[in-house]
Each structure stands twice: as structure tokens, then as C-alpha cells.
Amino acid sequence: MEKINLITIAIPFFFLLIGLELGFSWYKKRELYRLNDSINDLSAGVSNQIFVILFKAITFAAYIWVYENWRIVDLPSWPSDRVSWMPTADFLGLSSQAWSWIVVLAIWISCFLLYDFAYYWNHRLSHEVNFLWAGHVVHHQSEEYNLTVALRQASFHMLFSWVFYVPLALLGFSPIVLLLNGELNLIYQFWIHTKAVDKLPSWFEAVFNTPSHHRVHHGINPKYIDKNHGGTLIVFDKWFGTFQKEEEIPVYGTVKPLRSFNPIWANLHYWWEMLEISWKAPRWSDKIRIFFAMPGWRPAELGGQFPIPEVNSSTFKKYDVSLPGGLTAYSLVWFAATVIGTFAMLVKIASIPVNVQYTIFFLGLVSLLTIGGILDLKRWTLFAEPLRLAALVATAFIFGFDQAGLAVVIGSCGFSLVWLLYYRQYFSSWKDIDPAKEIRGRTA
């Protein structure tokens, strides 16, 4: 089961489609991408994949335990699996092999539909319950809407979302059937994060989630808040009253903007906000309620429910930081190196020793942290980035790189240090914002 990872297989195709969308943006003279925003999106995606590996054993263990001990029915995963209730001889004019294929196909389709139903409620409640929103908010923070936003996934949300899928284990769907359906569901949702596709045929829009439907979901216009939660299907939103048709052009982001290109802070900021409100709340009931209330809720003494203002796509001002070309290139080079290193690890994960995996995880996350700091022109990166470069050199020594490898690492890090310090004056001209004093929050 561990050898099948459709997400890892799909990553090259994701980047191919991103390249095609970039070409479309250039050809049509539409500004669909900003480099700093896209690096931030992809950094969040890399962070997510790292934590998927770290948390998978924890989050998937419950599903496996329920399946092995409490499943109601034995449901085969493949036609070669034999269970007691399946025909073993010709029946109704069909061979037992034909029945095996029919039964297994029905099981996979049923799991697909039930998974999407569970996904709908997972997604909807992640917009309606504060601690769930804290895990999901990362996906909504980009103020652009393009295919890199699809890869902007949260690092900690999986610690809570697994609960919604455990009932499928009780019904008897095997872990491999659940896992592959979940990956197919996620892969489907990649292509709907685009403004390059307008409306599709009405029959398709009536049943499936589409770019038009999902643009609404990412909109912070008041009428678009908490709408269109479906994964592959839109029918559950129509059944449960959360559907909204795309009308005016959506404004994207969060109602209270993140105002940062740092993927690590993106995953932590809403938790910090809830803890800050809990600390300041005068009553113990409110200190606890903040974690279960609607996003934007505050006690009356702290301002009450945060308002959802009207917004307009023509006047909305996006967060941006102007970097010199040299710093932009520096960030892009190290980001590309981090993505390549992480992807190579994911492809070879089964053959990499655990201590090497964790070292790559740590260095990858630190790299994403400092790259985000550079994109925000945070002064602390002038101290953190040299330490990161030193850690890379130390790792090369510890893991016994040969002389040629050591020369490449030392040369690259030394050149990078000179490169960074050449632009040090730009960090003093940008005012840092203390994240502890920034109340940031919710999207639609």
C-alpha cells in the first residue's frame, strides 16, 4: 500500500499544467500569477507533503484499527480478492470472474461517493468550527487564484480531518480503497483552481465541482462566504443549502489578510490568534468557546463577531513586497533546490533511512521559513539564513559527502552568503510587523 502514491506520481503533471497556465496568462495578457505569492503557495504544499509523511502513521492508524476490528462487511479491494458472500460459480448468466469485476467496481464507486460525502462535511465544518478552520485556513490565504493555489495545503489539518472518514472503515472499505479514492479526490480538485476556464456545459456544472463553483468558495465577497464545499461533486452543496452560483467577480484571500509570504507562519497564525483571544477572554467559558465557535467570533468585551466587509475586485489591494531582482532570484533558486530535494526524497522515501528523512524534513522546513522571511523582507532572516547555510554545510560533513560533494555544498553556501549580504540594506528599509500583534483570520 505504501508503494502506491498517486499524489507523488501526479506532481510532475501538476507543474506541467502550471506551466501551461503561465503560458495562457502571458498569451492573454492576464496577470494570473505573482512570483512571491506562487512561491508561498508551493512552499505550503512542500510543507504539507513533509507533514503528511510525519503524521500519516498517526492519522491512518485509527482507520486501520477500526477496519481490522469493527468492520461490518468484508468488501474486496480487487477482483482477485475472494470473500464469502461473492458468487463462486456462474450466476444469472455471468461467470464468477465477471461478478468479481462488477462487485469491485461497485465498491470503488460507492467509496468514491461516500468519500466525497465525508469530504463535504469535513470541509464545511472546517469553515464553521474555529479549531478546524485553524487547520484549513492556509489553503485560502492566497489573494490570487491559479493552479499553485491548489497545492497550497495546510500542514496540520490532517490531524483532525481523519475522523470524518472512519465510518468508511466501519462499513468495510479497505485502507487501500480509502487511500486511493482520497488521492483521486485531491487530484481532481487541482484543475478547478483556475481562472482560465469559465463555465462548462450545464450538465457538468449541475453535478460536478468546477472552476466556477470553486472560485466562489475562495471568494471573500459576503455572498460567497462558506459556500460550495464539495470535493469532486457539487450536489451535496445543493442538497444541504450551501450552493452559490458565481455572479460578480470574486475577491480572493482571507477576510482578515495574512499579510505574509511565510508558509510556516501561515500554518501557525490562526492558532496564535485563538490562544491570544483565549488568554484575554474574561470568562472561562469564553476561553474554551473560542476553539469551537465560528471563525471570527470574539467575546463582546474583545469586539464581538468580526464583520465581513463588502469588497470589490477593482479596488481590493493585495499584499505585496517589492524586492530587488537579486533577492527575488536568490529566493527562487533556493526554493527550487528545496522543491527538488523534497520531491527526490518523496520518490525514494522507502529506501531512505529514517534519520536522513528527518534531517531532510528539518532542513526543508527551515529553508521554507527563511525563504518566506526574505520574501517578506524580515530583518531576522539576516541572522537565520546564515545559520541555515551553516547547517547545510554541517550536514554534508556529518553524512560523509565525498570531496567533490563537499566542495559543491561549501561553494554554493559561501556564494549564497555573499549574495544575501550584498542586499542586506533592503531589510533595514522595510518595517517588520510583529505577528503576535497581528490579528489575522478567516476566509470564505
Protein backbone atom coordinates (compact mmCIF):
# COMPACT_ATOMS: atom_id res chain seq x y z
CA MET A 1 0.00 0.00 0.00
CA GLU A 2 2.80 2.39 0.84
CA LYS A 3 4.23 1.93 -2.65
CA ILE A 4 1.15 3.47 -4.27
CA ASN A 5 1.16 7.27 -4.01
CA LEU A 6 -0.83 8.92 -6.76
CA ILE A 7 -0.02 12.41 -5.44
CA THR A 8 3.73 11.91 -5.88
CA ILE A 9 3.12 10.50 -9.37
CA ALA A 10 0.91 13.48 -10.26
CA ILE A 11 3.33 16.20 -9.10
CA PRO A 12 5.20 16.48 -12.46
CA PHE A 13 1.86 16.78 -14.26
CA PHE A 14 0.78 19.49 -11.79
CA PHE A 15 3.83 21.54 -12.70
CA LEU A 16 3.23 20.92 -16.41
CA LEU A 17 -0.30 22.33 -16.08
CA ILE A 18 1.02 25.28 -14.07
CA GLY A 19 3.41 25.97 -16.95
CA LEU A 20 0.53 25.83 -19.43
CA GLU A 21 -1.50 28.25 -17.29
CA LEU A 22 1.50 30.59 -17.12
CA GLY A 23 1.66 30.46 -20.92
CA PHE A 24 -2.05 31.20 -21.12
CA SER A 25 -1.60 34.13 -18.73
CA TRP A 26 1.21 35.56 -20.89
CA TYR A 27 -0.63 34.98 -24.17
CA LYS A 28 -3.87 36.55 -22.96
CA LYS A 29 -2.00 39.33 -21.08
CA ARG A 30 -3.79 38.38 -17.86
CA GLU A 31 -1.86 38.69 -14.61
CA LEU A 32 -2.81 35.35 -13.07
CA TYR A 33 0.47 34.88 -11.19
CA ARG A 34 2.77 36.79 -8.85
CA LEU A 35 6.12 35.13 -8.14
CA ASN A 36 6.17 35.80 -4.39
CA ASP A 37 2.60 34.55 -3.96
CA SER A 38 3.23 31.43 -6.04
CA ILE A 39 6.42 30.58 -4.15
CA ASN A 40 4.42 30.90 -0.94
CA ASP A 41 1.68 28.63 -2.30
CA LEU A 42 4.14 25.97 -3.39
CA SER A 43 6.10 26.29 -0.13
CA ALA A 44 2.93 25.49 1.80
CA GLY A 45 2.47 22.48 -0.48
CA VAL A 46 6.00 21.24 0.22
CA SER A 47 5.44 21.71 3.95
CA ASN A 48 2.19 19.76 3.66
CA GLN A 49 3.90 16.82 1.97
CA ILE A 50 6.56 16.74 4.68
CA PHE A 51 3.95 16.62 7.43
CA VAL A 52 1.89 14.03 5.53
CA ILE A 53 4.86 11.69 5.90
CA LEU A 54 5.32 12.61 9.57
CA PHE A 55 1.65 12.29 10.55
CA LYS A 56 0.49 9.50 8.25
CA ALA A 57 1.20 6.70 10.70
CA ILE A 58 -0.78 8.53 13.39
CA THR A 59 -3.78 9.63 11.33
CA PHE A 60 -4.13 6.40 9.34
CA ALA A 61 -3.69 4.09 12.33
CA ALA A 62 -7.21 4.77 13.61
CA TYR A 63 -8.76 3.90 10.24
CA ILE A 64 -6.78 0.65 10.06
CA TRP A 65 -7.70 -0.28 13.64
CA VAL A 66 -11.44 0.26 13.07
CA TYR A 67 -11.27 -1.63 9.77
CA GLU A 68 -9.45 -4.61 11.26
CA ASN A 69 -11.58 -4.86 14.40
CA TRP A 70 -15.02 -3.37 13.73
CA ARG A 71 -15.87 -3.58 10.02
CA ILE A 72 -19.41 -4.76 9.36
CA VAL A 73 -18.84 -6.32 5.93
CA ASP A 74 -15.81 -7.72 4.13
CA LEU A 75 -15.55 -5.66 0.92
CA PRO A 76 -12.97 -6.82 -1.64
CA SER A 77 -10.46 -4.28 -2.93
CA TRP A 78 -9.52 -6.09 -6.16
CA PRO A 79 -11.19 -8.73 -8.35
CA SER A 80 -8.65 -11.29 -7.10
CA ASP A 81 -9.84 -10.85 -3.50
CA ARG A 82 -12.29 -13.57 -2.54
CA VAL A 83 -14.89 -13.02 0.18
CA SER A 84 -17.54 -15.45 1.41
CA TRP A 85 -20.60 -13.68 0.03
CA MET A 86 -19.40 -13.36 -3.58
CA PRO A 87 -20.59 -15.88 -6.23
CA THR A 88 -18.16 -18.76 -6.76
CA ALA A 89 -19.95 -20.18 -9.82
CA ASP A 90 -21.93 -18.89 -12.78
CA PHE A 91 -24.88 -16.77 -11.64
CA LEU A 92 -27.54 -15.05 -13.77
CA GLY A 93 -25.59 -15.93 -16.87
CA LEU A 94 -22.33 -14.34 -15.68
CA SER A 95 -19.16 -16.07 -14.59
CA SER A 96 -17.74 -15.70 -11.11
CA GLN A 97 -14.86 -13.68 -12.57
CA ALA A 98 -17.30 -11.27 -14.21
CA TRP A 99 -19.14 -10.91 -10.90
CA SER A 100 -15.84 -10.18 -9.16
CA TRP A 101 -15.22 -7.25 -11.50
CA ILE A 102 -18.81 -5.98 -11.15
CA VAL A 103 -18.73 -6.15 -7.35
CA VAL A 104 -15.32 -4.49 -7.05
CA LEU A 105 -16.31 -1.72 -9.48
CA ALA A 106 -19.47 -1.08 -7.43
CA ILE A 107 -17.39 -0.96 -4.23
CA TRP A 108 -14.96 1.59 -5.69
CA ILE A 109 -17.80 3.78 -6.99
CA SER A 110 -19.57 3.57 -3.63
CA CYS A 111 -16.39 4.56 -1.82
CA PHE A 112 -15.89 7.44 -4.25
CA LEU A 113 -19.37 8.79 -3.48
CA LEU A 114 -19.20 8.22 0.27
CA TYR A 115 -15.70 9.71 0.46
CA ASP A 116 -16.95 12.85 -1.27
CA PHE A 117 -19.89 13.00 1.14
CA ALA A 118 -17.50 12.74 4.10
CA TYR A 119 -15.23 15.31 2.45
CA TYR A 120 -18.16 17.73 2.13
CA TRP A 121 -18.85 17.63 5.89
CA ASN A 122 -15.17 17.74 6.75
CA HIS A 123 -14.74 20.79 4.51
CA ARG A 124 -17.94 22.50 5.63
CA LEU A 125 -17.21 22.11 9.34
CA SER A 126 -13.66 23.30 8.70
CA HIS A 127 -15.29 26.62 7.76
CA GLU A 128 -17.67 26.63 10.71
CA VAL A 129 -15.58 25.45 13.69
CA ASN A 130 -12.63 27.56 14.78
CA PHE A 131 -10.02 24.89 15.57
CA LEU A 132 -10.82 23.10 12.30
CA TRP A 133 -10.59 26.41 10.46
CA ALA A 134 -7.17 26.98 12.02
CA GLY A 135 -6.01 23.87 10.18
CA HIS A 136 -7.73 24.68 6.89
CA VAL A 137 -7.20 28.45 6.62
CA VAL A 138 -3.81 28.01 4.91
CA HIS A 139 -5.50 26.90 1.69
CA HIS A 140 -7.44 30.16 1.48
CA GLN A 141 -4.77 32.75 2.27
CA SER A 142 -3.56 33.44 -1.27
CA GLU A 143 -5.01 36.60 -2.80
CA GLU A 144 -4.57 35.09 -6.26
CA TYR A 145 -6.47 32.21 -7.84
CA ASN A 146 -4.41 29.90 -10.01
CA LEU A 147 -3.14 26.33 -10.08
CA THR A 148 -0.41 26.93 -7.50
CA VAL A 149 -3.21 27.73 -5.01
CA ALA A 150 -4.40 24.12 -5.42
CA LEU A 151 -1.06 22.97 -3.99
CA ARG A 152 -1.31 25.39 -1.07
CA GLN A 153 -2.31 22.81 1.54
CA ALA A 154 -2.23 23.00 5.34
CA SER A 155 0.31 21.05 7.37
CA PHE A 156 -1.77 20.24 10.47
CA HIS A 157 -5.33 19.82 9.18
CA MET A 158 -4.91 16.06 8.71
CA LEU A 159 -4.60 15.68 12.49
CA PHE A 160 -8.35 16.40 12.70
CA SER A 161 -9.81 15.52 9.30
CA TRP A 162 -9.25 11.74 9.59
CA VAL A 163 -12.23 11.44 11.95
CA PHE A 164 -14.68 12.14 9.12
CA TYR A 165 -13.54 9.10 7.13
CA VAL A 166 -13.51 6.46 9.90
CA PRO A 167 -17.17 5.48 9.21
CA LEU A 168 -16.00 4.12 5.85
CA ALA A 169 -13.74 1.70 7.74
CA LEU A 170 -16.76 0.58 9.77
CA LEU A 171 -18.63 -0.12 6.51
CA GLY A 172 -15.76 -2.31 5.35
CA PHE A 173 -13.87 -0.25 2.78
CA SER A 174 -10.24 -1.37 2.97
CA PRO A 175 -7.46 1.16 3.72
CA ILE A 176 -6.11 0.95 0.15
CA VAL A 177 -9.54 1.70 -1.36
CA LEU A 178 -9.99 4.66 1.01
CA LEU A 179 -6.47 5.97 0.40
CA LEU A 180 -6.60 5.84 -3.39
CA ASN A 181 -10.08 7.38 -3.51
CA GLY A 182 -8.83 10.18 -1.28
CA GLU A 183 -5.86 10.81 -3.56
CA LEU A 184 -8.08 10.77 -6.66
CA ASN A 185 -10.42 13.25 -4.95
CA LEU A 186 -7.49 15.57 -4.22
CA ILE A 187 -6.04 15.25 -7.72
CA TYR A 188 -9.42 16.13 -9.25
CA GLN A 189 -9.54 19.33 -7.23
CA PHE A 190 -6.25 20.55 -8.68
CA TRP A 191 -7.63 21.66 -12.05
CA ILE A 192 -10.58 23.61 -10.62
CA HIS A 193 -8.23 26.24 -9.12
CA THR A 194 -8.05 28.35 -12.27
CA LYS A 195 -9.49 31.49 -13.83
CA ALA A 196 -8.53 30.25 -17.30
CA VAL A 197 -11.71 28.13 -17.53
CA ASP A 198 -15.04 29.95 -17.49
CA LYS A 199 -18.31 27.99 -17.39
CA LEU A 200 -18.53 24.37 -18.53
CA PRO A 201 -21.60 22.63 -20.07
CA SER A 202 -24.66 22.97 -17.85
CA TRP A 203 -24.99 19.21 -17.21
CA PHE A 204 -21.41 19.13 -15.90
CA GLU A 205 -21.86 22.26 -13.76
CA ALA A 206 -25.02 20.69 -12.29
CA VAL A 207 -23.23 17.61 -10.94
CA PHE A 208 -19.51 18.24 -10.57
CA ASN A 209 -17.37 20.80 -8.80
CA THR A 210 -15.93 23.15 -11.42
CA PRO A 211 -13.61 26.17 -11.60
CA SER A 212 -16.64 28.47 -11.49
CA HIS A 213 -18.07 26.79 -8.38
CA HIS A 214 -14.73 26.71 -6.61
CA ARG A 215 -13.90 30.34 -7.37
CA VAL A 216 -16.98 31.14 -5.33
CA HIS A 217 -15.65 29.01 -2.48
CA HIS A 218 -12.42 31.02 -2.38
CA GLY A 219 -14.19 34.37 -2.59
CA ILE A 220 -14.41 36.75 0.39
CA ASN A 221 -17.40 38.62 -1.04
CA PRO A 222 -20.08 38.37 1.68
CA LYS A 223 -22.46 36.36 -0.55
CA TYR A 224 -19.69 33.83 -1.27
CA ILE A 225 -18.67 33.18 2.34
CA ASP A 226 -18.85 29.47 3.32
CA LYS A 227 -20.31 28.25 0.03
CA ASN A 228 -19.55 25.36 -2.35
CA HIS A 229 -17.71 22.94 -0.07
CA GLY A 230 -17.82 19.94 -2.41
CA GLY A 231 -14.74 18.00 -3.49
CA THR A 232 -15.50 16.34 -6.83
CA LEU A 233 -19.28 16.77 -6.69
CA ILE A 234 -21.40 19.88 -6.17
CA VAL A 235 -24.65 18.00 -5.48
CA PHE A 236 -24.14 17.88 -1.69
CA ASP A 237 -23.96 21.68 -1.55
CA LYS A 238 -27.24 21.85 -3.44
CA TRP A 239 -28.87 19.28 -1.13
CA PHE A 240 -27.68 20.93 2.11
CA GLY A 241 -28.18 24.57 1.14
CA THR A 242 -24.58 25.76 0.77
CA PHE A 243 -24.53 26.26 -3.01
CA GLN A 244 -23.91 29.67 -4.57
CA LYS A 245 -23.62 30.39 -8.27
CA GLU A 246 -20.72 32.56 -9.45
CA GLU A 247 -22.03 36.05 -10.21
CA GLU A 248 -19.77 39.06 -9.57
CA ILE A 249 -16.01 38.52 -9.85
CA PRO A 250 -14.74 37.05 -6.57
CA VAL A 251 -12.10 38.72 -4.42
CA TYR A 252 -9.70 36.12 -3.06
CA GLY A 253 -7.84 35.72 0.21
CA THR A 254 -9.00 35.92 3.80
CA VAL A 255 -11.38 38.42 5.36
CA LYS A 256 -8.52 39.47 7.63
CA PRO A 257 -5.44 39.11 5.41
CA LEU A 258 -2.43 37.05 6.40
CA ARG A 259 -0.03 39.74 5.07
CA SER A 260 2.91 37.38 4.90
CA PHE A 261 4.64 35.13 2.37
CA ASN A 262 5.94 32.81 5.09
CA PRO A 263 4.40 29.30 4.89
CA ILE A 264 5.38 28.38 8.45
CA TRP A 265 3.64 31.44 9.92
CA ALA A 266 0.70 30.75 7.59
CA ASN A 267 0.17 27.42 9.38
CA LEU A 268 0.54 28.88 12.89
CA HIS A 269 -1.01 32.35 12.81
CA TYR A 270 -4.64 31.42 13.44
CA TRP A 271 -3.70 29.15 16.34
CA TRP A 272 -1.82 32.10 17.80
CA GLU A 273 -4.87 34.32 17.35
CA MET A 274 -7.17 31.85 19.14
CA LEU A 275 -4.71 31.46 22.02
CA GLU A 276 -4.38 35.22 22.30
CA ILE A 277 -8.16 35.69 22.43
CA SER A 278 -8.50 32.81 24.91
CA TRP A 279 -5.88 34.42 27.16
CA LYS A 280 -7.63 37.79 27.08
CA ALA A 281 -11.21 36.46 27.46
CA PRO A 282 -12.57 37.37 30.92
CA ARG A 283 -14.70 34.21 31.36
CA TRP A 284 -13.54 30.59 31.39
CA SER A 285 -16.46 29.60 29.17
CA ASP A 286 -15.24 32.03 26.51
CA LYS A 287 -11.65 30.83 26.88
CA ILE A 288 -12.86 27.40 25.79
CA ARG A 289 -15.57 28.55 23.39
CA ILE A 290 -13.10 30.33 21.12
CA PHE A 291 -11.82 26.97 19.86
CA PHE A 292 -15.30 25.73 18.91
CA ALA A 293 -17.04 28.93 17.84
CA MET A 294 -17.48 30.20 14.28
CA PRO A 295 -14.35 31.72 12.73
CA GLY A 296 -14.19 35.42 13.54
CA TRP A 297 -16.00 35.01 16.87
CA ARG A 298 -14.77 37.02 19.84
CA PRO A 299 -16.30 37.78 23.25
CA ALA A 300 -18.25 41.03 23.35
CA GLU A 301 -15.54 42.57 25.55
CA LEU A 302 -13.00 41.98 22.77
CA GLY A 303 -15.13 43.37 19.96
CA GLY A 304 -17.66 40.62 19.22
CA GLN A 305 -18.03 38.84 15.90
CA PHE A 306 -15.56 40.13 13.33
CA PRO A 307 -17.52 41.81 10.48
CA ILE A 308 -17.40 40.66 6.87
CA PRO A 309 -16.95 43.82 4.78
CA GLU A 310 -18.07 44.34 1.20
CA VAL A 311 -15.19 44.05 -1.27
CA ASN A 312 -14.68 44.86 -4.92
CA SER A 313 -12.20 43.21 -7.26
CA SER A 314 -11.33 46.51 -8.93
CA THR A 315 -10.40 48.30 -5.68
CA PHE A 316 -9.08 45.47 -3.49
CA LYS A 317 -5.39 45.97 -2.61
CA LYS A 318 -3.34 42.79 -2.44
CA TYR A 319 -0.46 42.29 -0.04
CA ASP A 320 2.86 42.72 -1.82
CA VAL A 321 6.51 43.41 -1.00
CA SER A 322 8.83 44.93 -3.59
CA LEU A 323 12.14 43.06 -3.73
CA PRO A 324 15.22 43.85 -5.82
CA GLY A 325 15.76 41.39 -8.65
CA GLY A 326 18.76 39.84 -6.94
CA LEU A 327 16.81 38.87 -3.82
CA THR A 328 13.94 37.55 -5.94
CA ALA A 329 16.41 35.38 -7.85
CA TYR A 330 18.01 34.21 -4.59
CA SER A 331 14.63 33.15 -3.21
CA LEU A 332 13.69 31.40 -6.43
CA VAL A 333 16.97 29.46 -6.66
CA TRP A 334 16.81 28.18 -3.08
CA PHE A 335 13.10 27.45 -3.36
CA ALA A 336 13.73 25.37 -6.49
CA ALA A 337 16.54 23.49 -4.70
CA THR A 338 14.20 22.80 -1.75
CA VAL A 339 11.41 21.52 -4.01
CA ILE A 340 13.77 19.29 -6.00
CA GLY A 341 15.33 17.85 -2.83
CA THR A 342 11.97 17.20 -1.19
CA PHE A 343 10.47 15.64 -4.32
CA ALA A 344 13.50 13.38 -4.75
CA MET A 345 13.04 12.24 -1.16
CA LEU A 346 9.33 11.53 -1.69
CA VAL A 347 10.09 9.40 -4.75
CA LYS A 348 12.72 7.36 -2.86
CA ILE A 349 11.12 7.56 0.60
CA ALA A 350 11.03 3.78 1.14
CA SER A 351 14.79 3.41 0.64
CA ILE A 352 15.93 6.44 2.68
CA PRO A 353 16.97 5.84 6.31
CA VAL A 354 14.69 7.49 8.86
CA ASN A 355 17.44 9.72 10.27
CA VAL A 356 18.17 11.03 6.77
CA GLN A 357 14.45 11.59 6.16
CA TYR A 358 14.08 13.66 9.32
CA THR A 359 17.19 15.68 8.51
CA ILE A 360 15.82 16.49 5.05
CA PHE A 361 12.44 17.35 6.61
CA PHE A 362 14.05 19.73 9.09
CA LEU A 363 16.31 21.44 6.57
CA GLY A 364 13.41 21.71 4.12
CA LEU A 365 11.16 23.41 6.66
CA VAL A 366 13.94 25.77 7.78
CA SER A 367 14.58 26.64 4.13
CA LEU A 368 10.91 27.43 3.56
CA LEU A 369 10.91 29.56 6.73
CA THR A 370 13.88 31.69 5.67
CA ILE A 371 12.74 31.97 2.04
CA GLY A 372 9.41 33.29 3.32
CA GLY A 373 11.27 35.72 5.57
CA ILE A 374 13.25 37.02 2.60
CA LEU A 375 10.08 37.48 0.51
CA ASP A 376 8.65 39.49 3.43
CA LEU A 377 11.98 41.35 3.88
CA LYS A 378 12.05 40.37 7.55
CA ARG A 379 15.21 41.51 9.31
CA TRP A 380 15.55 38.28 11.30
CA THR A 381 16.44 36.45 8.08
CA LEU A 382 19.83 38.21 8.08
CA PHE A 383 20.62 36.02 11.13
CA ALA A 384 18.54 32.93 10.29
CA GLU A 385 19.71 32.45 6.70
CA PRO A 386 23.47 32.26 7.50
CA LEU A 387 22.62 29.71 10.21
CA ARG A 388 20.67 27.66 7.65
CA LEU A 389 23.60 27.75 5.21
CA ALA A 390 25.94 26.67 8.00
CA ALA A 391 23.57 23.80 8.86
CA LEU A 392 23.69 22.60 5.25
CA VAL A 393 27.48 22.53 5.32
CA ALA A 394 27.50 20.72 8.68
CA THR A 395 25.02 18.14 7.35
CA ALA A 396 27.27 17.47 4.36
CA PHE A 397 30.15 16.73 6.75
CA ILE A 398 28.04 14.56 9.08
CA PHE A 399 26.64 12.45 6.23
CA GLY A 400 30.12 11.91 4.81
CA PHE A 401 29.92 13.64 1.45
CA ASP A 402 32.95 12.99 -0.75
CA GLN A 403 35.37 15.81 -1.56
CA ALA A 404 33.54 16.84 -4.73
CA GLY A 405 30.19 16.92 -2.92
CA LEU A 406 31.62 18.91 -0.03
CA ALA A 407 33.16 21.40 -2.44
CA VAL A 408 29.80 21.92 -4.17
CA VAL A 409 27.93 22.41 -0.87
CA ILE A 410 30.54 24.72 0.67
CA GLY A 411 30.93 26.71 -2.54
CA SER A 412 27.18 27.09 -3.02
CA CYS A 413 26.55 28.14 0.58
CA GLY A 414 29.51 30.53 0.63
CA PHE A 415 28.41 32.17 -2.60
CA SER A 416 24.83 32.36 -1.26
CA LEU A 417 26.01 34.10 1.92
CA VAL A 418 27.83 36.76 -0.09
CA TRP A 419 24.81 37.08 -2.38
CA LEU A 420 22.43 37.62 0.54
CA LEU A 421 24.61 40.07 2.45
CA TYR A 422 25.08 42.16 -0.68
CA TYR A 423 21.37 43.07 -0.36
CA ARG A 424 21.33 43.47 3.43
CA GLN A 425 20.41 47.17 3.27
CA TYR A 426 16.98 46.33 1.81
CA PHE A 427 15.98 44.55 5.04
CA SER A 428 16.53 47.70 7.11
CA SER A 429 14.25 49.75 4.86
CA TRP A 430 11.20 47.54 5.40
CA LYS A 431 9.28 47.75 8.67
CA ASP A 432 8.77 44.40 10.35
CA ILE A 433 5.29 43.61 11.64
CA ASP A 434 5.12 41.77 14.94
CA PRO A 435 2.97 38.70 14.16
CA ALA A 436 1.93 38.45 17.79
CA LYS A 437 0.13 41.77 17.42
CA GLU A 438 -1.44 40.98 14.08
CA ILE A 439 -4.96 39.60 14.32
CA ARG A 440 -5.39 37.66 11.15
CA GLY A 441 -8.06 35.33 10.21
CA ARG A 442 -10.70 33.87 8.18
CA THR A 443 -11.53 33.38 4.54
CA ALA A 444 -14.63 32.37 2.86
